[in-house]
Amino acid sequence: YALGFLDCKDISARCMLTIFQFFATKTDASVLRMLNGSPAERLLKPITDYIEAKGGRIHTRQGCK
């Protein structure tokens, strides 16, 4: 299935995290036309802003269990 055709309730967060990790580690992601700007500004910042607006916190350099 293409990611665009799955409901949020039917897809694992792990899959999306893998995609986000790809964007975060590729410095040339915007050159590949995957984003219309830097991954930090166009992908990660909106996600961070949304989480923090809902009262969540982002902890970098922390593992997940």
C-alpha atoms as a PDB file:
ATOM      1  CA  TYR A   1       0.000   0.000   0.000  1.00  0.00           C
ATOM      2  CA  ALA A   2       1.080   3.554  -0.628  1.00  0.00           C
ATOM      3  CA  LEU A   3       1.248   5.641   2.532  1.00  0.00           C
ATOM      4  CA  GLY A   4      -1.211   8.115   1.056  1.00  0.00           C
ATOM      5  CA  PHE A   5      -3.971   5.503   0.981  1.00  0.00           C
ATOM      6  CA  LEU A   6      -3.808   4.279   4.578  1.00  0.00           C
ATOM      7  CA  ASP A   7      -5.842   5.645   7.470  1.00  0.00           C
ATOM      8  CA  CYS A   8      -3.852   6.837  10.469  1.00  0.00           C
ATOM      9  CA  LYS A   9      -5.392   4.083  12.600  1.00  0.00           C
ATOM     10  CA  ASP A  10      -4.103   1.448  10.171  1.00  0.00           C
ATOM     11  CA  ILE A  11      -0.436   2.442  10.044  1.00  0.00           C
ATOM     12  CA  SER A  12       2.282   1.881  12.603  1.00  0.00           C
ATOM     13  CA  ALA A  13       4.022   4.877  14.146  1.00  0.00           C
ATOM     14  CA  ARG A  14       7.273   2.990  13.537  1.00  0.00           C
ATOM     15  CA  CYS A  15       6.782   3.258   9.795  1.00  0.00           C
ATOM     16  CA  MET A  16       6.273   7.015   9.971  1.00  0.00           C
ATOM     17  CA  LEU A  17       9.239   7.444  12.311  1.00  0.00           C
ATOM     18  CA  THR A  18      11.417   5.615   9.797  1.00  0.00           C
ATOM     19  CA  ILE A  19      10.295   8.011   7.064  1.00  0.00           C
ATOM     20  CA  PHE A  20      10.895  11.032   9.321  1.00  0.00           C
ATOM     21  CA  GLN A  21      14.342   9.680  10.180  1.00  0.00           C
ATOM     22  CA  PHE A  22      15.127   9.455   6.470  1.00  0.00           C
ATOM     23  CA  PHE A  23      14.239  13.124   5.986  1.00  0.00           C
ATOM     24  CA  ALA A  24      16.096  14.185   9.124  1.00  0.00           C
ATOM     25  CA  THR A  25      19.341  12.494   8.090  1.00  0.00           C
ATOM     26  CA  LYS A  26      19.365  13.549   4.436  1.00  0.00           C
ATOM     27  CA  THR A  27      20.862  17.000   4.126  1.00  0.00           C
ATOM     28  CA  ASP A  28      19.945  17.026   0.442  1.00  0.00           C
ATOM     29  CA  ALA A  29      16.263  16.107   0.954  1.00  0.00           C
ATOM     30  CA  SER A  30      15.098  19.462  -0.396  1.00  0.00           C
ATOM     31  CA  VAL A  31      17.372  19.057  -3.431  1.00  0.00           C
ATOM     32  CA  LEU A  32      15.603  15.767  -4.135  1.00  0.00           C
ATOM     33  CA  ARG A  33      12.348  17.787  -4.121  1.00  0.00           C
ATOM     34  CA  MET A  34      10.984  15.849  -1.187  1.00  0.00           C
ATOM     35  CA  LEU A  35      10.573  19.094   0.767  1.00  0.00           C
ATOM     36  CA  ASN A  36      10.377  22.712  -0.321  1.00  0.00           C
ATOM     37  CA  GLY A  37      12.928  23.805   2.275  1.00  0.00           C
ATOM     38  CA  SER A  38      15.199  22.346   4.900  1.00  0.00           C
ATOM     39  CA  PRO A  39      13.995  19.192   6.691  1.00  0.00           C
ATOM     40  CA  ALA A  40      14.435  20.939  10.044  1.00  0.00           C
ATOM     41  CA  GLU A  41      12.099  23.806   9.079  1.00  0.00           C
ATOM     42  CA  ARG A  42       9.597  22.093   6.777  1.00  0.00           C
ATOM     43  CA  LEU A  43       9.181  18.689   8.470  1.00  0.00           C
ATOM     44  CA  LEU A  44      10.523  18.561  12.005  1.00  0.00           C
ATOM     45  CA  LYS A  45       9.524  22.042  13.215  1.00  0.00           C
ATOM     46  CA  PRO A  46       5.798  21.665  12.369  1.00  0.00           C
ATOM     47  CA  ILE A  47       5.711  18.278  14.111  1.00  0.00           C
ATOM     48  CA  THR A  48       7.507  19.688  17.161  1.00  0.00           C
ATOM     49  CA  ASP A  49       5.208  22.723  17.267  1.00  0.00           C
ATOM     50  CA  TYR A  50       2.121  20.489  17.119  1.00  0.00           C
ATOM     51  CA  ILE A  51       3.322  18.208  19.912  1.00  0.00           C
ATOM     52  CA  GLU A  52       4.279  21.140  22.136  1.00  0.00           C
ATOM     53  CA  ALA A  53       0.951  22.918  21.448  1.00  0.00           C
ATOM     54  CA  LYS A  54      -0.819  19.818  22.775  1.00  0.00           C
ATOM     55  CA  GLY A  55       1.269  19.917  25.960  1.00  0.00           C
ATOM     56  CA  GLY A  56       3.869  17.359  24.886  1.00  0.00           C
ATOM     57  CA  ARG A  57       7.598  17.690  25.270  1.00  0.00           C
ATOM     58  CA  ILE A  58      10.440  16.728  22.968  1.00  0.00           C
ATOM     59  CA  HIS A  59      13.515  15.168  24.555  1.00  0.00           C
ATOM     60  CA  THR A  60      16.454  14.855  22.185  1.00  0.00           C
ATOM     61  CA  ARG A  61      19.264  12.375  22.744  1.00  0.00           C
ATOM     62  CA  GLN A  62      16.885  10.109  24.661  1.00  0.00           C
ATOM     63  CA  GLY A  63      16.073   6.524  23.835  1.00  0.00           C
ATOM     64  CA  CYS A  64      12.591   5.015  23.613  1.00  0.00           C
ATOM     65  CA  LYS A  65      11.499   1.793  25.220  1.00  0.00           C
END
